[in-house]
PDB file of N, CA and C in Angstrom:
ATOM      1  N   MET A   1       4.418 -15.122   0.432  1.00  0.00           N
ATOM      2  CA  MET A   1       3.310 -15.628   1.192  1.00  0.00           C
ATOM      3  C   MET A   1       2.712 -16.770   0.428  1.00  0.00           C
ATOM      4  N   GLU A   2       2.414 -17.836   1.138  1.00  0.00           N
ATOM      5  CA  GLU A   2       1.882 -19.055   0.506  1.00  0.00           C
ATOM      6  C   GLU A   2       0.515 -18.749  -0.039  1.00  0.00           C
ATOM      7  N   ARG A   3       0.095 -19.457  -1.024  1.00  0.00           N
ATOM      8  CA  ARG A   3      -1.287 -19.327  -1.678  1.00  0.00           C
ATOM      9  C   ARG A   3      -2.234 -20.126  -0.727  1.00  0.00           C
ATOM     10  N   GLY A   4      -3.429 -19.599  -0.533  1.00  0.00           N
ATOM     11  CA  GLY A   4      -4.489 -20.306   0.219  1.00  0.00           C
ATOM     12  C   GLY A   4      -4.268 -20.196   1.622  1.00  0.00           C
ATOM     13  N   PHE A   5      -3.414 -19.193   2.145  1.00  0.00           N
ATOM     14  CA  PHE A   5      -3.250 -19.032   3.603  1.00  0.00           C
ATOM     15  C   PHE A   5      -4.450 -18.507   4.301  1.00  0.00           C
ATOM     16  N   THR A   6      -4.590 -18.807   5.527  1.00  0.00           N
ATOM     17  CA  THR A   6      -5.602 -18.223   6.458  1.00  0.00           C
ATOM     18  C   THR A   6      -4.921 -18.092   7.780  1.00  0.00           C
ATOM     19  N   GLY A   7      -5.626 -17.335   8.637  1.00  0.00           N
ATOM     20  CA  GLY A   7      -5.152 -17.179  10.042  1.00  0.00           C
ATOM     21  C   GLY A   7      -4.612 -15.774  10.268  1.00  0.00           C
ATOM     22  N   GLU A   8      -3.858 -15.581  11.367  1.00  0.00           N
ATOM     23  CA  GLU A   8      -3.448 -14.297  11.729  1.00  0.00           C
ATOM     24  C   GLU A   8      -2.281 -13.856  10.906  1.00  0.00           C
ATOM     25  N   ARG A   9      -2.495 -12.597  10.408  1.00  0.00           N
ATOM     26  CA  ARG A   9      -1.463 -11.900   9.626  1.00  0.00           C
ATOM     27  C   ARG A   9      -1.404 -10.469  10.074  1.00  0.00           C
ATOM     28  N   THR A  10      -0.558  -9.695   9.376  1.00  0.00           N
ATOM     29  CA  THR A  10      -0.375  -8.249   9.716  1.00  0.00           C
ATOM     30  C   THR A  10      -0.880  -7.464   8.497  1.00  0.00           C
ATOM     31  N   LEU A  11      -1.680  -6.448   8.726  1.00  0.00           N
ATOM     32  CA  LEU A  11      -2.079  -5.515   7.708  1.00  0.00           C
ATOM     33  C   LEU A  11      -1.299  -4.264   7.910  1.00  0.00           C
ATOM     34  N   MET A  12      -0.577  -3.830   6.805  1.00  0.00           N
ATOM     35  CA  MET A  12       0.177  -2.608   6.905  1.00  0.00           C
ATOM     36  C   MET A  12      -0.544  -1.654   5.951  1.00  0.00           C
ATOM     37  N   ARG A  13      -0.805  -0.401   6.433  1.00  0.00           N
ATOM     38  CA  ARG A  13      -1.309   0.654   5.653  1.00  0.00           C
ATOM     39  C   ARG A  13      -0.364   1.757   5.587  1.00  0.00           C
ATOM     40  N   ILE A  14      -0.100   2.247   4.376  1.00  0.00           N
ATOM     41  CA  ILE A  14       0.844   3.332   4.127  1.00  0.00           C
ATOM     42  C   ILE A  14       0.163   4.522   3.528  1.00  0.00           C
ATOM     43  N   PHE A  15       0.084   5.599   4.320  1.00  0.00           N
ATOM     44  CA  PHE A  15      -0.669   6.818   3.826  1.00  0.00           C
ATOM     45  C   PHE A  15       0.374   7.819   3.345  1.00  0.00           C
ATOM     46  N   ILE A  16       0.205   8.128   2.057  1.00  0.00           N
ATOM     47  CA  ILE A  16       1.128   9.039   1.290  1.00  0.00           C
ATOM     48  C   ILE A  16       0.279  10.039   0.475  1.00  0.00           C
ATOM     49  N   GLY A  17       0.908  10.895  -0.266  1.00  0.00           N
ATOM     50  CA  GLY A  17       0.204  11.746  -1.220  1.00  0.00           C
ATOM     51  C   GLY A  17       0.423  11.318  -2.625  1.00  0.00           C
ATOM     52  N   GLU A  18      -0.551  11.577  -3.494  1.00  0.00           N
ATOM     53  CA  GLU A  18      -0.464  11.270  -4.808  1.00  0.00           C
ATOM     54  C   GLU A  18       0.782  11.820  -5.587  1.00  0.00           C
ATOM     55  N   SER A  19       1.187  12.976  -5.133  1.00  0.00           N
ATOM     56  CA  SER A  19       2.362  13.557  -5.835  1.00  0.00           C
ATOM     57  C   SER A  19       3.711  13.159  -5.269  1.00  0.00           C
ATOM     58  N   ASP A  20       3.730  12.314  -4.232  1.00  0.00           N
ATOM     59  CA  ASP A  20       4.979  11.836  -3.696  1.00  0.00           C
ATOM     60  C   ASP A  20       5.668  10.957  -4.679  1.00  0.00           C
ATOM     61  N   ARG A  21       7.048  11.113  -4.787  1.00  0.00           N
ATOM     62  CA  ARG A  21       7.780  10.421  -5.726  1.00  0.00           C
ATOM     63  C   ARG A  21       9.056   9.759  -4.984  1.00  0.00           C
ATOM     64  N   PHE A  22       9.546   8.740  -5.758  1.00  0.00           N
ATOM     65  CA  PHE A  22      10.747   8.103  -5.323  1.00  0.00           C
ATOM     66  C   PHE A  22      11.530   7.763  -6.642  1.00  0.00           C
ATOM     67  N   GLU A  23      12.797   8.120  -6.680  1.00  0.00           N
ATOM     68  CA  GLU A  23      13.622   7.931  -7.852  1.00  0.00           C
ATOM     69  C   GLU A  23      12.935   8.264  -9.107  1.00  0.00           C
ATOM     70  N   GLY A  24      12.187   9.465  -9.121  1.00  0.00           N
ATOM     71  CA  GLY A  24      11.659   9.931 -10.362  1.00  0.00           C
ATOM     72  C   GLY A  24      10.273   9.419 -10.701  1.00  0.00           C
ATOM     73  N   HIS A  25       9.714   8.416 -10.028  1.00  0.00           N
ATOM     74  CA  HIS A  25       8.456   7.827 -10.300  1.00  0.00           C
ATOM     75  C   HIS A  25       7.592   7.979  -9.135  1.00  0.00           C
ATOM     76  N   PRO A  26       6.182   7.860  -9.431  1.00  0.00           N
ATOM     77  CA  PRO A  26       5.214   7.962  -8.225  1.00  0.00           C
ATOM     78  C   PRO A  26       5.581   6.927  -7.219  1.00  0.00           C
ATOM     79  N   LEU A  27       5.502   7.440  -5.935  1.00  0.00           N
ATOM     80  CA  LEU A  27       5.876   6.611  -4.825  1.00  0.00           C
ATOM     81  C   LEU A  27       5.062   5.348  -4.777  1.00  0.00           C
ATOM     82  N   TYR A  28       3.726   5.504  -4.917  1.00  0.00           N
ATOM     83  CA  TYR A  28       2.856   4.389  -4.778  1.00  0.00           C
ATOM     84  C   TYR A  28       3.151   3.269  -5.810  1.00  0.00           C
ATOM     85  N   GLU A  29       3.560   3.685  -7.053  1.00  0.00           N
ATOM     86  CA  GLU A  29       4.002   2.672  -7.998  1.00  0.00           C
ATOM     87  C   GLU A  29       5.260   1.922  -7.542  1.00  0.00           C
ATOM     88  N   GLN A  30       6.160   2.650  -7.021  1.00  0.00           N
ATOM     89  CA  GLN A  30       7.454   2.126  -6.558  1.00  0.00           C
ATOM     90  C   GLN A  30       7.179   1.154  -5.392  1.00  0.00           C
ATOM     91  N   LEU A  31       6.235   1.464  -4.481  1.00  0.00           N
ATOM     92  CA  LEU A  31       5.935   0.610  -3.370  1.00  0.00           C
ATOM     93  C   LEU A  31       5.292  -0.714  -3.981  1.00  0.00           C
ATOM     94  N   VAL A  32       4.456  -0.595  -4.924  1.00  0.00           N
ATOM     95  CA  VAL A  32       3.781  -1.782  -5.550  1.00  0.00           C
ATOM     96  C   VAL A  32       4.911  -2.662  -6.115  1.00  0.00           C
ATOM     97  N   ARG A  33       5.842  -2.072  -6.763  1.00  0.00           N
ATOM     98  CA  ARG A  33       6.982  -2.834  -7.376  1.00  0.00           C
ATOM     99  C   ARG A  33       7.745  -3.528  -6.387  1.00  0.00           C
ATOM    100  N   LEU A  34       8.057  -2.808  -5.299  1.00  0.00           N
ATOM    101  CA  LEU A  34       8.853  -3.426  -4.167  1.00  0.00           C
ATOM    102  C   LEU A  34       8.127  -4.653  -3.569  1.00  0.00           C
ATOM    103  N   PHE A  35       6.854  -4.501  -3.271  1.00  0.00           N
ATOM    104  CA  PHE A  35       6.159  -5.654  -2.695  1.00  0.00           C
ATOM    105  C   PHE A  35       6.046  -6.780  -3.642  1.00  0.00           C
ATOM    106  N   ARG A  36       5.881  -6.481  -4.982  1.00  0.00           N
ATOM    107  CA  ARG A  36       5.843  -7.617  -5.939  1.00  0.00           C
ATOM    108  C   ARG A  36       7.202  -8.292  -5.980  1.00  0.00           C
ATOM    109  N   LYS A  37       8.225  -7.479  -6.083  1.00  0.00           N
ATOM    110  CA  LYS A  37       9.630  -8.072  -6.128  1.00  0.00           C
ATOM    111  C   LYS A  37       9.912  -8.909  -4.880  1.00  0.00           C
ATOM    112  N   ARG A  38       9.432  -8.458  -3.755  1.00  0.00           N
ATOM    113  CA  ARG A  38       9.730  -9.195  -2.534  1.00  0.00           C
ATOM    114  C   ARG A  38       8.765 -10.438  -2.336  1.00  0.00           C
ATOM    115  N   GLY A  39       7.841 -10.664  -3.301  1.00  0.00           N
ATOM    116  CA  GLY A  39       6.979 -11.866  -3.214  1.00  0.00           C
ATOM    117  C   GLY A  39       5.826 -11.833  -2.274  1.00  0.00           C
ATOM    118  N   PHE A  40       5.404 -10.501  -1.946  1.00  0.00           N
ATOM    119  CA  PHE A  40       4.184 -10.369  -1.129  1.00  0.00           C
ATOM    120  C   PHE A  40       2.969 -10.880  -1.995  1.00  0.00           C
ATOM    121  N   ALA A  41       1.912 -11.333  -1.247  1.00  0.00           N
ATOM    122  CA  ALA A  41       0.770 -11.907  -1.897  1.00  0.00           C
ATOM    123  C   ALA A  41      -0.027 -10.982  -2.672  1.00  0.00           C
ATOM    124  N   GLY A  42       0.018  -9.756  -2.332  1.00  0.00           N
ATOM    125  CA  GLY A  42      -0.733  -8.689  -3.023  1.00  0.00           C
ATOM    126  C   GLY A  42      -0.638  -7.330  -2.368  1.00  0.00           C
ATOM    127  N   THR A  43      -0.996  -6.351  -3.151  1.00  0.00           N
ATOM    128  CA  THR A  43      -0.958  -4.956  -2.676  1.00  0.00           C
ATOM    129  C   THR A  43      -2.152  -4.253  -3.301  1.00  0.00           C
ATOM    130  N   THR A  44      -2.781  -3.378  -2.521  1.00  0.00           N
ATOM    131  CA  THR A  44      -3.900  -2.640  -3.077  1.00  0.00           C
ATOM    132  C   THR A  44      -3.525  -1.133  -2.829  1.00  0.00           C
ATOM    133  N   VAL A  45      -3.788  -0.305  -3.902  1.00  0.00           N
ATOM    134  CA  VAL A  45      -3.647   1.133  -3.794  1.00  0.00           C
ATOM    135  C   VAL A  45      -4.904   1.738  -3.899  1.00  0.00           C
ATOM    136  N   LEU A  46      -5.315   2.575  -2.884  1.00  0.00           N
ATOM    137  CA  LEU A  46      -6.537   3.305  -2.828  1.00  0.00           C
ATOM    138  C   LEU A  46      -6.323   4.790  -2.969  1.00  0.00           C
ATOM    139  N   ARG A  47      -7.115   5.434  -3.732  1.00  0.00           N
ATOM    140  CA  ARG A  47      -6.963   6.906  -3.934  1.00  0.00           C
ATOM    141  C   ARG A  47      -8.136   7.520  -3.332  1.00  0.00           C
ATOM    142  N   GLY A  48      -7.851   8.410  -2.230  1.00  0.00           N
ATOM    143  CA  GLY A  48      -8.829   9.098  -1.492  1.00  0.00           C
ATOM    144  C   GLY A  48      -9.457  10.282  -2.309  1.00  0.00           C
ATOM    145  N   ILE A  49     -10.612  10.677  -1.775  1.00  0.00           N
ATOM    146  CA  ILE A  49     -11.222  11.955  -2.365  1.00  0.00           C
ATOM    147  C   ILE A  49     -10.959  13.141  -1.509  1.00  0.00           C
ATOM    148  N   GLY A  50     -10.280  12.912  -0.361  1.00  0.00           N
ATOM    149  CA  GLY A  50     -10.014  14.057   0.476  1.00  0.00           C
ATOM    150  C   GLY A  50      -9.313  13.672   1.762  1.00  0.00           C
ATOM    151  N   GLY A  51      -8.667  14.619   2.422  1.00  0.00           N
ATOM    152  CA  GLY A  51      -8.021  14.324   3.727  1.00  0.00           C
ATOM    153  C   GLY A  51      -6.986  15.368   4.004  1.00  0.00           C
ATOM    154  N   PHE A  52      -6.300  15.165   5.116  1.00  0.00           N
ATOM    155  CA  PHE A  52      -5.161  16.041   5.545  1.00  0.00           C
ATOM    156  C   PHE A  52      -4.270  15.226   6.334  1.00  0.00           C
ATOM    157  N   GLY A  53      -2.973  15.757   6.369  1.00  0.00           N
ATOM    158  CA  GLY A  53      -1.988  15.097   7.092  1.00  0.00           C
ATOM    159  C   GLY A  53      -1.391  15.889   8.270  1.00  0.00           C
ATOM    160  N   ALA A  54      -0.115  15.645   8.495  1.00  0.00           N
ATOM    161  CA  ALA A  54       0.598  16.294   9.686  1.00  0.00           C
ATOM    162  C   ALA A  54       0.585  17.769   9.542  1.00  0.00           C
ATOM    163  N   HIS A  55       0.516  18.353   8.378  1.00  0.00           N
ATOM    164  CA  HIS A  55       0.546  19.844   8.159  1.00  0.00           C
ATOM    165  C   HIS A  55      -0.846  20.468   8.162  1.00  0.00           C
ATOM    166  N   ALA A  56      -1.850  19.539   8.321  1.00  0.00           N
ATOM    167  CA  ALA A  56      -3.257  19.987   8.334  1.00  0.00           C
ATOM    168  C   ALA A  56      -3.701  20.733   7.022  1.00  0.00           C
ATOM    169  N   ARG A  57      -2.976  20.501   5.913  1.00  0.00           N
ATOM    170  CA  ARG A  57      -3.285  21.119   4.717  1.00  0.00           C
ATOM    171  C   ARG A  57      -4.349  20.181   4.002  1.00  0.00           C
ATOM    172  N   LEU A  58      -5.464  20.783   3.677  1.00  0.00           N
ATOM    173  CA  LEU A  58      -6.603  19.978   3.145  1.00  0.00           C
ATOM    174  C   LEU A  58      -6.301  19.545   1.707  1.00  0.00           C
ATOM    175  N   HIS A  59      -6.470  18.313   1.310  1.00  0.00           N
ATOM    176  CA  HIS A  59      -6.406  17.890   0.040  1.00  0.00           C
ATOM    177  C   HIS A  59      -7.742  17.301  -0.429  1.00  0.00           C
ATOM    178  N   THR A  60      -8.313  17.878  -1.475  1.00  0.00           N
ATOM    179  CA  THR A  60      -9.710  17.425  -1.844  1.00  0.00           C
ATOM    180  C   THR A  60      -9.780  17.413  -3.373  1.00  0.00           C
ATOM    181  N   ASP A  61     -10.776  16.654  -3.881  1.00  0.00           N
ATOM    182  CA  ASP A  61     -11.069  16.564  -5.320  1.00  0.00           C
ATOM    183  C   ASP A  61     -12.038  17.735  -5.750  1.00  0.00           C
ATOM    184  N   LYS A  62     -12.438  18.501  -4.738  1.00  0.00           N
ATOM    185  CA  LYS A  62     -13.524  19.537  -4.991  1.00  0.00           C
ATOM    186  C   LYS A  62     -12.875  20.796  -5.496  1.00  0.00           C
ATOM    187  N   ILE A  63     -11.543  21.044  -5.277  1.00  0.00           N
ATOM    188  CA  ILE A  63     -10.864  22.247  -5.644  1.00  0.00           C
ATOM    189  C   ILE A  63      -9.763  21.829  -6.644  1.00  0.00           C
ATOM    190  N   LEU A  64      -9.773  22.211  -7.857  1.00  0.00           N
ATOM    191  CA  LEU A  64      -8.815  21.791  -8.821  1.00  0.00           C
ATOM    192  C   LEU A  64      -7.375  21.906  -8.324  1.00  0.00           C
ATOM    193  N   ARG A  65      -7.054  23.074  -7.800  1.00  0.00           N
ATOM    194  CA  ARG A  65      -5.693  23.288  -7.288  1.00  0.00           C
ATOM    195  C   ARG A  65      -5.214  22.310  -6.227  1.00  0.00           C
ATOM    196  N   LEU A  66      -6.175  21.829  -5.416  1.00  0.00           N
ATOM    197  CA  LEU A  66      -5.773  20.884  -4.330  1.00  0.00           C
ATOM    198  C   LEU A  66      -5.962  19.496  -4.707  1.00  0.00           C
ATOM    199  N   SER A  67      -6.550  19.202  -5.929  1.00  0.00           N
ATOM    200  CA  SER A  67      -6.815  17.829  -6.362  1.00  0.00           C
ATOM    201  C   SER A  67      -5.556  17.189  -7.022  1.00  0.00           C
ATOM    202  N   LEU A  68      -4.395  17.938  -7.054  1.00  0.00           N
ATOM    203  CA  LEU A  68      -3.283  17.365  -7.627  1.00  0.00           C
ATOM    204  C   LEU A  68      -2.485  16.490  -6.644  1.00  0.00           C
ATOM    205  N   ASP A  69      -2.803  16.511  -5.322  1.00  0.00           N
ATOM    206  CA  ASP A  69      -2.140  15.742  -4.411  1.00  0.00           C
ATOM    207  C   ASP A  69      -3.097  15.110  -3.432  1.00  0.00           C
ATOM    208  N   LEU A  70      -3.978  14.165  -3.981  1.00  0.00           N
ATOM    209  CA  LEU A  70      -4.942  13.500  -3.169  1.00  0.00           C
ATOM    210  C   LEU A  70      -4.306  12.421  -2.424  1.00  0.00           C
ATOM    211  N   PRO A  71      -4.947  12.071  -1.305  1.00  0.00           N
ATOM    212  CA  PRO A  71      -4.459  11.012  -0.441  1.00  0.00           C
ATOM    213  C   PRO A  71      -4.334   9.644  -1.170  1.00  0.00           C
ATOM    214  N   ILE A  72      -3.308   8.882  -0.916  1.00  0.00           N
ATOM    215  CA  ILE A  72      -3.126   7.588  -1.387  1.00  0.00           C
ATOM    216  C   ILE A  72      -2.957   6.543  -0.213  1.00  0.00           C
ATOM    217  N   VAL A  73      -3.557   5.464  -0.144  1.00  0.00           N
ATOM    218  CA  VAL A  73      -3.329   4.445   0.892  1.00  0.00           C
ATOM    219  C   VAL A  73      -2.956   3.234   0.162  1.00  0.00           C
ATOM    220  N   VAL A  74      -1.767   2.663   0.584  1.00  0.00           N
ATOM    221  CA  VAL A  74      -1.306   1.382   0.049  1.00  0.00           C
ATOM    222  C   VAL A  74      -1.467   0.321   1.145  1.00  0.00           C
ATOM    223  N   GLU A  75      -2.214  -0.748   0.852  1.00  0.00           N
ATOM    224  CA  GLU A  75      -2.462  -1.777   1.870  1.00  0.00           C
ATOM    225  C   GLU A  75      -1.671  -3.042   1.435  1.00  0.00           C
ATOM    226  N   VAL A  76      -1.140  -3.705   2.449  1.00  0.00           N
ATOM    227  CA  VAL A  76      -0.460  -5.004   2.279  1.00  0.00           C
ATOM    228  C   VAL A  76      -0.800  -5.904   3.346  1.00  0.00           C
ATOM    229  N   VAL A  77      -1.046  -7.182   3.131  1.00  0.00           N
ATOM    230  CA  VAL A  77      -1.318  -8.177   4.195  1.00  0.00           C
ATOM    231  C   VAL A  77      -0.210  -9.270   4.022  1.00  0.00           C
ATOM    232  N   ASP A  78       0.508  -9.523   5.139  1.00  0.00           N
ATOM    233  CA  ASP A  78       1.433 -10.641   5.054  1.00  0.00           C
ATOM    234  C   ASP A  78       1.801 -11.046   6.569  1.00  0.00           C
ATOM    235  N   THR A  79       2.826 -11.845   6.700  1.00  0.00           N
ATOM    236  CA  THR A  79       3.209 -12.286   8.042  1.00  0.00           C
ATOM    237  C   THR A  79       3.934 -11.051   8.715  1.00  0.00           C
ATOM    238  N   GLU A  80       3.913 -11.081  10.028  1.00  0.00           N
ATOM    239  CA  GLU A  80       4.518  -9.972  10.817  1.00  0.00           C
ATOM    240  C   GLU A  80       6.002  -9.917  10.469  1.00  0.00           C
ATOM    241  N   ASP A  81       6.717 -11.064  10.329  1.00  0.00           N
ATOM    242  CA  ASP A  81       8.060 -11.004   9.933  1.00  0.00           C
ATOM    243  C   ASP A  81       8.387 -10.478   8.616  1.00  0.00           C
ATOM    244  N   ARG A  82       7.601 -10.760   7.615  1.00  0.00           N
ATOM    245  CA  ARG A  82       7.811 -10.225   6.289  1.00  0.00           C
ATOM    246  C   ARG A  82       7.561  -8.675   6.261  1.00  0.00           C
ATOM    247  N   ILE A  83       6.473  -8.228   6.942  1.00  0.00           N
ATOM    248  CA  ILE A  83       6.244  -6.837   7.057  1.00  0.00           C
ATOM    249  C   ILE A  83       7.368  -6.145   7.766  1.00  0.00           C
ATOM    250  N   GLN A  84       7.827  -6.611   8.866  1.00  0.00           N
ATOM    251  CA  GLN A  84       8.947  -5.975   9.555  1.00  0.00           C
ATOM    252  C   GLN A  84      10.246  -5.954   8.692  1.00  0.00           C
ATOM    253  N   SER A  85      10.428  -6.980   7.940  1.00  0.00           N
ATOM    254  CA  SER A  85      11.684  -6.989   7.103  1.00  0.00           C
ATOM    255  C   SER A  85      11.753  -5.854   6.058  1.00  0.00           C
ATOM    256  N   VAL A  86      10.548  -5.325   5.621  1.00  0.00           N
ATOM    257  CA  VAL A  86      10.579  -4.231   4.521  1.00  0.00           C
ATOM    258  C   VAL A  86      10.524  -2.920   5.169  1.00  0.00           C
ATOM    259  N   LEU A  87      10.281  -2.814   6.487  1.00  0.00           N
ATOM    260  CA  LEU A  87      10.218  -1.506   7.090  1.00  0.00           C
ATOM    261  C   LEU A  87      11.433  -0.534   6.867  1.00  0.00           C
ATOM    262  N   PRO A  88      12.701  -1.085   6.974  1.00  0.00           N
ATOM    263  CA  PRO A  88      13.854  -0.226   6.709  1.00  0.00           C
ATOM    264  C   PRO A  88      13.886   0.388   5.350  1.00  0.00           C
ATOM    265  N   GLU A  89      13.421  -0.419   4.428  1.00  0.00           N
ATOM    266  CA  GLU A  89      13.448   0.124   3.016  1.00  0.00           C
ATOM    267  C   GLU A  89      12.313   1.129   2.792  1.00  0.00           C
ATOM    268  N   LEU A  90      11.176   0.955   3.472  1.00  0.00           N
ATOM    269  CA  LEU A  90      10.142   1.909   3.404  1.00  0.00           C
ATOM    270  C   LEU A  90      10.568   3.258   4.017  1.00  0.00           C
ATOM    271  N   ASP A  91      11.290   3.120   5.094  1.00  0.00           N
ATOM    272  CA  ASP A  91      11.802   4.333   5.807  1.00  0.00           C
ATOM    273  C   ASP A  91      12.747   5.192   4.754  1.00  0.00           C
ATOM    274  N   ARG A  92      13.448   4.500   3.999  1.00  0.00           N
ATOM    275  CA  ARG A  92      14.309   5.157   3.037  1.00  0.00           C
ATOM    276  C   ARG A  92      13.460   5.790   1.915  1.00  0.00           C
ATOM    277  N   MET A  93      12.349   5.068   1.501  1.00  0.00           N
ATOM    278  CA  MET A  93      11.614   5.579   0.280  1.00  0.00           C
ATOM    279  C   MET A  93      10.639   6.679   0.697  1.00  0.00           C
ATOM    280  N   ILE A  94      10.061   6.616   1.832  1.00  0.00           N
ATOM    281  CA  ILE A  94       8.953   7.510   2.205  1.00  0.00           C
ATOM    282  C   ILE A  94       9.505   8.682   2.912  1.00  0.00           C
ATOM    283  N   GLU A  95       9.361   9.891   2.278  1.00  0.00           N
ATOM    284  CA  GLU A  95       9.785  11.168   2.926  1.00  0.00           C
ATOM    285  C   GLU A  95       8.805  11.609   3.955  1.00  0.00           C
ATOM    286  N   GLY A  96       7.572  11.639   3.727  1.00  0.00           N
ATOM    287  CA  GLY A  96       6.550  12.102   4.548  1.00  0.00           C
ATOM    288  C   GLY A  96       5.282  11.189   4.463  1.00  0.00           C
ATOM    289  N   GLY A  97       4.776  10.783   5.497  1.00  0.00           N
ATOM    290  CA  GLY A  97       3.592   9.946   5.411  1.00  0.00           C
ATOM    291  C   GLY A  97       3.293   9.257   6.785  1.00  0.00           C
ATOM    292  N   LEU A  98       2.512   8.219   6.746  1.00  0.00           N
ATOM    293  CA  LEU A  98       2.118   7.513   7.895  1.00  0.00           C
ATOM    294  C   LEU A  98       2.045   5.992   7.667  1.00  0.00           C
ATOM    295  N   ILE A  99       2.619   5.158   8.495  1.00  0.00           N
ATOM    296  CA  ILE A  99       2.503   3.697   8.335  1.00  0.00           C
ATOM    297  C   ILE A  99       1.852   3.144   9.556  1.00  0.00           C
ATOM    298  N   THR A 100       0.784   2.358   9.370  1.00  0.00           N
ATOM    299  CA  THR A 100       0.197   1.698  10.546  1.00  0.00           C
ATOM    300  C   THR A 100       0.291   0.193  10.356  1.00  0.00           C
ATOM    301  N   LEU A 101       0.244  -0.509  11.454  1.00  0.00           N
ATOM    302  CA  LEU A 101       0.196  -1.944  11.422  1.00  0.00           C
ATOM    303  C   LEU A 101      -0.884  -2.451  12.401  1.00  0.00           C
ATOM    304  N   GLU A 102      -1.583  -3.525  11.955  1.00  0.00           N
ATOM    305  CA  GLU A 102      -2.581  -4.011  12.828  1.00  0.00           C
ATOM    306  C   GLU A 102      -2.757  -5.535  12.470  1.00  0.00           C
ATOM    307  N   ARG A 103      -3.267  -6.275  13.477  1.00  0.00           N
ATOM    308  CA  ARG A 103      -3.485  -7.631  13.223  1.00  0.00           C
ATOM    309  C   ARG A 103      -4.702  -7.869  12.366  1.00  0.00           C
ATOM    310  N   ALA A 104      -4.629  -8.814  11.499  1.00  0.00           N
ATOM    311  CA  ALA A 104      -5.694  -9.143  10.588  1.00  0.00           C
ATOM    312  C   ALA A 104      -5.942 -10.592  10.631  1.00  0.00           C
ATOM    313  N   ARG A 105      -7.209 -11.057  10.644  1.00  0.00           N
ATOM    314  CA  ARG A 105      -7.521 -12.494  10.517  1.00  0.00           C
ATOM    315  C   ARG A 105      -7.957 -12.731   9.079  1.00  0.00           C
ATOM    316  N   VAL A 106      -7.128 -13.445   8.325  1.00  0.00           N
ATOM    317  CA  VAL A 106      -7.430 -13.826   6.979  1.00  0.00           C
ATOM    318  C   VAL A 106      -8.279 -14.998   6.938  1.00  0.00           C
ATOM    319  N   ILE A 107      -9.518 -14.879   6.313  1.00  0.00           N
ATOM    320  CA  ILE A 107     -10.412 -16.021   6.249  1.00  0.00           C
ATOM    321  C   ILE A 107     -10.442 -16.659   4.868  1.00  0.00           C
ATOM    322  N   MET A 108      -9.985 -15.865   3.880  1.00  0.00           N
ATOM    323  CA  MET A 108      -9.892 -16.459   2.487  1.00  0.00           C
ATOM    324  C   MET A 108      -8.813 -15.631   1.742  1.00  0.00           C
ATOM    325  N   TYR A 109      -8.039 -16.407   0.987  1.00  0.00           N
ATOM    326  CA  TYR A 109      -7.080 -15.826   0.044  1.00  0.00           C
ATOM    327  C   TYR A 109      -6.889 -16.816  -1.115  1.00  0.00           C
ATOM    328  N   ARG A 110      -7.388 -16.513  -2.243  1.00  0.00           N
ATOM    329  CA  ARG A 110      -7.185 -17.361  -3.450  1.00  0.00           C
ATOM    330  C   ARG A 110      -7.367 -16.666  -4.651  1.00  0.00           C
ATOM    331  N   PRO A 111      -6.668 -17.074  -5.739  1.00  0.00           N
ATOM    332  CA  PRO A 111      -6.863 -16.298  -7.078  1.00  0.00           C
ATOM    333  C   PRO A 111      -8.150 -16.699  -7.611  1.00  0.00           C
ATOM    334  N   HIS A 112      -8.590 -15.858  -8.582  1.00  0.00           N
ATOM    335  CA  HIS A 112      -9.739 -16.151  -9.433  1.00  0.00           C
ATOM    336  C   HIS A 112      -9.416 -17.475 -10.200  1.00  0.00           C
ATOM    337  N   GLU A 113     -10.425 -18.246 -10.580  1.00  0.00           N
ATOM    338  CA  GLU A 113     -10.053 -19.497 -11.356  1.00  0.00           C
ATOM    339  C   GLU A 113      -9.334 -19.192 -12.608  1.00  0.00           C
ATOM    340  N   SER A 114      -9.655 -18.076 -13.308  1.00  0.00           N
ATOM    341  CA  SER A 114      -9.028 -17.783 -14.575  1.00  0.00           C
ATOM    342  C   SER A 114      -7.564 -17.443 -14.372  1.00  0.00           C
ATOM    343  N   GLU A 115      -7.278 -16.826 -13.263  1.00  0.00           N
ATOM    344  CA  GLU A 115      -5.869 -16.432 -13.021  1.00  0.00           C
ATOM    345  C   GLU A 115      -5.060 -17.753 -12.646  1.00  0.00           C
ATOM    346  N   ALA A 116      -5.729 -18.631 -11.949  1.00  0.00           N
ATOM    347  CA  ALA A 116      -5.074 -19.886 -11.524  1.00  0.00           C
ATOM    348  C   ALA A 116      -4.741 -20.720 -12.763  1.00  0.00           C
ATOM    349  N   ARG A 117      -5.536 -20.602 -13.760  1.00  0.00           N
ATOM    350  CA  ARG A 117      -5.269 -21.263 -15.115  1.00  0.00           C
ATOM    351  C   ARG A 117      -4.373 -20.515 -15.978  1.00  0.00           C
ATOM    352  N   GLY A 118      -3.937 -19.307 -15.571  1.00  0.00           N
ATOM    353  CA  GLY A 118      -3.051 -18.442 -16.472  1.00  0.00           C
ATOM    354  C   GLY A 118      -3.767 -17.605 -17.513  1.00  0.00           C
ATOM    355  N   GLU A 119      -5.057 -17.457 -17.434  1.00  0.00           N
ATOM    356  CA  GLU A 119      -5.818 -16.680 -18.298  1.00  0.00           C
ATOM    357  C   GLU A 119      -5.788 -15.290 -17.893  1.00  0.00           C
ATOM    358  N   SER A 120      -6.031 -14.347 -18.805  1.00  0.00           N
ATOM    359  CA  SER A 120      -6.068 -12.872 -18.396  1.00  0.00           C
ATOM    360  C   SER A 120      -7.482 -12.373 -18.538  1.00  0.00           C
TER     361      SER A 120
END
């Protein structure tokens, strides 16, 4: 995705569990690696404090036993074509979860000045 882009894009949200794995590693980490390797502009991983999925099993941080598999949401914004191109690979990686797509209007995308200069 080009830097400084604005306009219509696609927002993809991937809902998985914290304990989900792919090739021996946390699935959310593998998804971030995939999107970075594919040159997506960025990815955000959000850890939920509670929720339930298709089996209606409650996952919450309030009960220690249930806090080991909290909800994770991975968000990516890019062009519709780029999002569509990665879906077959996601199908192979994600055993159980939910993927949603929606239109997003990007009004700003730019790195911090320190990042643009290569500073950490």
